[in-house]
Amino acid sequence: MGCFTPSELEEIDRLWRELPADHMWTGWAASGHEPEQVWIFRTRAHWRRFPLSKSKTGFVIADEIGRPVARAKTLPALLAKVESIPGIEALSEDP
């Protein structure tokens, strides 16, 4: 696993700022100048945090207990993969 570069953090910020206000992915956070992990937040009925990390070939986002949910070579591709996971939108709906 590698560290996120400042330019990758800027890309994450740009991608999430481009999302519509009602998108299921509501924000992100990281600690330090070149963190090993970034947290992606989702909310509707409940806040949830998903760890984003780098792999040898790209990026991986996992669920709350560390199981990989999606992998991609680029951050935009990862966002598209996460959005296409069946049922994720239904899981994020308010009851």
N, C-alpha and C. Protein backbone atom coordinates (compact mmCIF):
# COMPACT_ATOMS: atom_id res chain seq x y z
N MET A 1 0.83 -1.17 0.00
CA MET A 1 0.00 0.00 0.00
C MET A 1 0.88 1.24 0.00
N GLY A 2 0.41 2.25 -0.70
CA GLY A 2 1.17 3.48 -0.78
C GLY A 2 0.45 4.63 -0.09
N CYS A 3 1.11 5.75 -0.09
CA CYS A 3 0.54 6.97 0.47
C CYS A 3 -0.10 7.79 -0.65
N PHE A 4 -1.13 8.51 -0.31
CA PHE A 4 -1.77 9.42 -1.25
C PHE A 4 -0.91 10.67 -1.40
N THR A 5 -0.70 11.08 -2.62
CA THR A 5 0.07 12.29 -2.88
C THR A 5 -0.85 13.51 -2.76
N PRO A 6 -0.28 14.69 -2.57
CA PRO A 6 -1.11 15.89 -2.53
C PRO A 6 -1.97 16.05 -3.80
N SER A 7 -1.45 15.68 -4.96
CA SER A 7 -2.25 15.81 -6.19
C SER A 7 -3.42 14.81 -6.20
N GLU A 8 -3.23 13.63 -5.64
CA GLU A 8 -4.34 12.66 -5.54
C GLU A 8 -5.40 13.17 -4.58
N LEU A 9 -4.98 13.79 -3.48
CA LEU A 9 -5.94 14.37 -2.55
C LEU A 9 -6.72 15.50 -3.21
N GLU A 10 -6.05 16.29 -4.02
CA GLU A 10 -6.75 17.35 -4.77
C GLU A 10 -7.75 16.75 -5.74
N GLU A 11 -7.39 15.64 -6.39
CA GLU A 11 -8.31 14.98 -7.32
C GLU A 11 -9.52 14.42 -6.58
N ILE A 12 -9.31 13.82 -5.43
CA ILE A 12 -10.43 13.33 -4.62
C ILE A 12 -11.36 14.48 -4.28
N ASP A 13 -10.78 15.58 -3.83
CA ASP A 13 -11.59 16.74 -3.47
C ASP A 13 -12.38 17.25 -4.67
N ARG A 14 -11.74 17.35 -5.83
CA ARG A 14 -12.42 17.82 -7.04
C ARG A 14 -13.56 16.88 -7.43
N LEU A 15 -13.31 15.58 -7.40
CA LEU A 15 -14.35 14.60 -7.76
C LEU A 15 -15.56 14.72 -6.85
N TRP A 16 -15.33 14.84 -5.55
CA TRP A 16 -16.46 14.89 -4.63
C TRP A 16 -17.17 16.24 -4.68
N ARG A 17 -16.49 17.30 -4.99
CA ARG A 17 -17.15 18.61 -5.15
C ARG A 17 -18.01 18.66 -6.40
N GLU A 18 -17.70 17.83 -7.39
CA GLU A 18 -18.48 17.78 -8.63
C GLU A 18 -19.76 16.96 -8.48
N LEU A 19 -19.88 16.19 -7.42
CA LEU A 19 -21.08 15.37 -7.23
C LEU A 19 -22.27 16.24 -6.88
N PRO A 20 -23.48 15.83 -7.27
CA PRO A 20 -24.67 16.60 -6.89
C PRO A 20 -24.84 16.60 -5.37
N ALA A 21 -25.51 17.62 -4.87
CA ALA A 21 -25.67 17.79 -3.42
C ALA A 21 -26.38 16.61 -2.76
N ASP A 22 -27.23 15.92 -3.49
CA ASP A 22 -27.97 14.80 -2.89
C ASP A 22 -27.31 13.45 -3.16
N HIS A 23 -26.07 13.45 -3.61
CA HIS A 23 -25.36 12.20 -3.88
C HIS A 23 -25.13 11.43 -2.59
N MET A 24 -25.13 10.08 -2.69
CA MET A 24 -24.95 9.25 -1.49
C MET A 24 -23.59 9.43 -0.83
N TRP A 25 -22.54 9.79 -1.62
CA TRP A 25 -21.22 10.00 -1.06
C TRP A 25 -21.11 11.47 -0.69
N THR A 26 -21.04 11.75 0.59
CA THR A 26 -21.20 13.13 1.05
C THR A 26 -19.91 13.85 1.37
N GLY A 27 -18.81 13.17 1.48
CA GLY A 27 -17.58 13.85 1.81
C GLY A 27 -16.42 12.90 2.00
N TRP A 28 -15.29 13.47 2.37
CA TRP A 28 -14.09 12.67 2.58
C TRP A 28 -13.23 13.36 3.62
N ALA A 29 -12.30 12.61 4.18
CA ALA A 29 -11.37 13.17 5.16
C ALA A 29 -10.08 12.36 5.13
N ALA A 30 -9.01 13.02 5.48
CA ALA A 30 -7.70 12.37 5.57
C ALA A 30 -6.90 13.08 6.63
N SER A 31 -5.94 12.38 7.17
CA SER A 31 -5.09 12.96 8.20
C SER A 31 -3.64 12.96 7.72
N GLY A 32 -3.02 14.11 7.73
CA GLY A 32 -1.62 14.21 7.34
C GLY A 32 -1.43 14.68 5.91
N HIS A 33 -0.18 14.97 5.56
CA HIS A 33 0.16 15.50 4.24
C HIS A 33 0.09 14.42 3.16
N GLU A 34 0.54 13.23 3.45
CA GLU A 34 0.49 12.10 2.52
C GLU A 34 -0.05 10.87 3.25
N PRO A 35 -1.36 10.84 3.50
CA PRO A 35 -1.96 9.75 4.28
C PRO A 35 -1.95 8.41 3.55
N GLU A 36 -1.96 7.34 4.31
CA GLU A 36 -2.05 6.00 3.74
C GLU A 36 -3.50 5.62 3.46
N GLN A 37 -4.44 6.33 4.08
CA GLN A 37 -5.85 6.01 3.92
C GLN A 37 -6.66 7.30 3.91
N VAL A 38 -7.71 7.30 3.10
CA VAL A 38 -8.67 8.40 3.05
C VAL A 38 -10.02 7.79 3.40
N TRP A 39 -10.84 8.52 4.15
CA TRP A 39 -12.16 8.02 4.51
C TRP A 39 -13.19 8.72 3.65
N ILE A 40 -14.07 7.92 3.07
CA ILE A 40 -15.18 8.42 2.27
C ILE A 40 -16.43 8.25 3.12
N PHE A 41 -17.24 9.31 3.21
CA PHE A 41 -18.42 9.28 4.06
C PHE A 41 -19.69 9.21 3.22
N ARG A 42 -20.63 8.46 3.74
CA ARG A 42 -21.94 8.34 3.12
C ARG A 42 -22.99 8.52 4.20
N THR A 43 -24.05 9.21 3.86
CA THR A 43 -25.14 9.37 4.80
C THR A 43 -26.47 9.39 4.08
N ARG A 44 -27.43 8.95 4.70
CA ARG A 44 -28.84 9.13 4.39
C ARG A 44 -29.49 9.02 5.76
N ALA A 45 -29.74 7.79 6.18
CA ALA A 45 -30.31 7.59 7.50
C ALA A 45 -29.22 7.54 8.57
N HIS A 46 -28.03 7.08 8.19
CA HIS A 46 -26.93 6.91 9.15
C HIS A 46 -25.61 7.27 8.48
N TRP A 47 -24.71 7.85 9.24
CA TRP A 47 -23.36 8.11 8.73
C TRP A 47 -22.62 6.79 8.61
N ARG A 48 -21.87 6.63 7.53
CA ARG A 48 -21.00 5.46 7.35
C ARG A 48 -19.68 5.94 6.78
N ARG A 49 -18.61 5.27 7.15
CA ARG A 49 -17.26 5.63 6.70
C ARG A 49 -16.65 4.45 5.96
N PHE A 50 -16.12 4.70 4.76
CA PHE A 50 -15.51 3.68 3.93
C PHE A 50 -14.05 4.04 3.70
N PRO A 51 -13.10 3.15 4.06
CA PRO A 51 -11.69 3.45 3.84
C PRO A 51 -11.29 3.28 2.37
N LEU A 52 -10.59 4.28 1.88
CA LEU A 52 -10.04 4.28 0.53
C LEU A 52 -8.53 4.17 0.66
N SER A 53 -7.93 3.24 -0.08
CA SER A 53 -6.47 3.07 -0.01
C SER A 53 -5.92 2.84 -1.41
N LYS A 54 -4.61 2.91 -1.50
CA LYS A 54 -3.93 2.67 -2.77
C LYS A 54 -3.44 1.22 -2.78
N SER A 55 -3.48 0.63 -3.97
CA SER A 55 -2.92 -0.70 -4.15
C SER A 55 -1.77 -0.58 -5.14
N LYS A 56 -1.15 -1.70 -5.47
CA LYS A 56 -0.05 -1.67 -6.44
C LYS A 56 -0.53 -1.22 -7.82
N THR A 57 -1.80 -1.47 -8.13
CA THR A 57 -2.31 -1.16 -9.47
C THR A 57 -3.34 -0.04 -9.52
N GLY A 58 -3.64 0.58 -8.40
CA GLY A 58 -4.64 1.65 -8.43
C GLY A 58 -5.19 1.96 -7.05
N PHE A 59 -6.51 1.91 -6.93
CA PHE A 59 -7.20 2.31 -5.70
C PHE A 59 -8.23 1.26 -5.31
N VAL A 60 -8.49 1.16 -4.01
CA VAL A 60 -9.45 0.20 -3.46
C VAL A 60 -10.28 0.90 -2.41
N ILE A 61 -11.60 0.71 -2.47
CA ILE A 61 -12.47 1.18 -1.40
C ILE A 61 -13.07 -0.04 -0.74
N ALA A 62 -13.11 -0.02 0.58
CA ALA A 62 -13.60 -1.16 1.36
C ALA A 62 -14.84 -0.76 2.14
N ASP A 63 -15.55 -1.76 2.64
CA ASP A 63 -16.69 -1.47 3.50
C ASP A 63 -16.19 -1.21 4.92
N GLU A 64 -17.12 -1.05 5.82
CA GLU A 64 -16.77 -0.67 7.19
C GLU A 64 -15.94 -1.71 7.94
N ILE A 65 -15.98 -2.96 7.48
CA ILE A 65 -15.18 -3.98 8.17
C ILE A 65 -13.97 -4.41 7.36
N GLY A 66 -13.64 -3.65 6.32
CA GLY A 66 -12.41 -3.88 5.59
C GLY A 66 -12.49 -4.77 4.36
N ARG A 67 -13.69 -5.23 4.00
CA ARG A 67 -13.84 -6.06 2.79
C ARG A 67 -13.83 -5.16 1.56
N PRO A 68 -12.99 -5.44 0.56
CA PRO A 68 -12.98 -4.61 -0.65
C PRO A 68 -14.35 -4.58 -1.33
N VAL A 69 -14.78 -3.38 -1.68
CA VAL A 69 -16.06 -3.17 -2.36
C VAL A 69 -15.82 -2.92 -3.84
N ALA A 70 -14.76 -2.17 -4.16
CA ALA A 70 -14.46 -1.85 -5.56
C ALA A 70 -12.97 -1.54 -5.70
N ARG A 71 -12.44 -1.88 -6.88
CA ARG A 71 -11.04 -1.59 -7.23
C ARG A 71 -11.03 -0.94 -8.60
N ALA A 72 -10.09 -0.02 -8.82
CA ALA A 72 -9.95 0.61 -10.13
C ALA A 72 -8.56 1.22 -10.26
N LYS A 73 -8.14 1.44 -11.51
CA LYS A 73 -6.83 2.03 -11.75
C LYS A 73 -6.81 3.52 -11.49
N THR A 74 -7.97 4.20 -11.66
CA THR A 74 -8.03 5.65 -11.46
C THR A 74 -9.14 5.99 -10.47
N LEU A 75 -9.06 7.17 -9.90
CA LEU A 75 -10.10 7.61 -8.97
C LEU A 75 -11.45 7.81 -9.66
N PRO A 76 -11.51 8.43 -10.85
CA PRO A 76 -12.80 8.54 -11.53
C PRO A 76 -13.42 7.17 -11.85
N ALA A 77 -12.59 6.21 -12.24
CA ALA A 77 -13.09 4.87 -12.53
C ALA A 77 -13.61 4.21 -11.25
N LEU A 78 -12.94 4.46 -10.14
CA LEU A 78 -13.40 3.90 -8.87
C LEU A 78 -14.76 4.47 -8.49
N LEU A 79 -14.95 5.76 -8.66
CA LEU A 79 -16.23 6.38 -8.36
C LEU A 79 -17.33 5.75 -9.21
N ALA A 80 -17.07 5.57 -10.50
CA ALA A 80 -18.06 4.95 -11.38
C ALA A 80 -18.38 3.52 -10.95
N LYS A 81 -17.37 2.76 -10.54
CA LYS A 81 -17.61 1.38 -10.08
C LYS A 81 -18.44 1.36 -8.81
N VAL A 82 -18.14 2.24 -7.89
CA VAL A 82 -18.88 2.28 -6.63
C VAL A 82 -20.34 2.63 -6.90
N GLU A 83 -20.57 3.59 -7.79
CA GLU A 83 -21.94 3.99 -8.10
C GLU A 83 -22.72 2.88 -8.79
N SER A 84 -22.04 1.95 -9.45
CA SER A 84 -22.73 0.89 -10.18
C SER A 84 -22.94 -0.39 -9.36
N ILE A 85 -22.51 -0.40 -8.11
CA ILE A 85 -22.71 -1.59 -7.29
C ILE A 85 -24.21 -1.78 -7.06
N PRO A 86 -24.75 -2.92 -7.46
CA PRO A 86 -26.20 -3.15 -7.31
C PRO A 86 -26.64 -3.01 -5.86
N GLY A 87 -27.72 -2.29 -5.68
CA GLY A 87 -28.31 -2.18 -4.36
C GLY A 87 -27.73 -1.09 -3.49
N ILE A 88 -26.61 -0.48 -3.87
CA ILE A 88 -26.01 0.50 -2.96
C ILE A 88 -26.90 1.73 -2.83
N GLU A 89 -27.54 2.14 -3.90
CA GLU A 89 -28.46 3.29 -3.82
C GLU A 89 -29.66 2.94 -2.94
N ALA A 90 -30.20 1.73 -3.10
CA ALA A 90 -31.33 1.32 -2.28
C ALA A 90 -30.94 1.26 -0.81
N LEU A 91 -29.72 0.84 -0.52
CA LEU A 91 -29.27 0.78 0.87
C LEU A 91 -29.13 2.18 1.47
N SER A 92 -28.94 3.18 0.63
CA SER A 92 -28.72 4.53 1.15
C SER A 92 -30.02 5.33 1.26
N GLU A 93 -31.13 4.77 0.83
CA GLU A 93 -32.40 5.49 0.90
C GLU A 93 -32.85 5.66 2.34
N ASP A 94 -33.48 6.78 2.61
CA ASP A 94 -34.07 6.98 3.94
C ASP A 94 -35.24 6.04 4.09
N PRO A 95 -35.43 5.50 5.30
CA PRO A 95 -36.56 4.57 5.51
C PRO A 95 -37.89 5.30 5.45
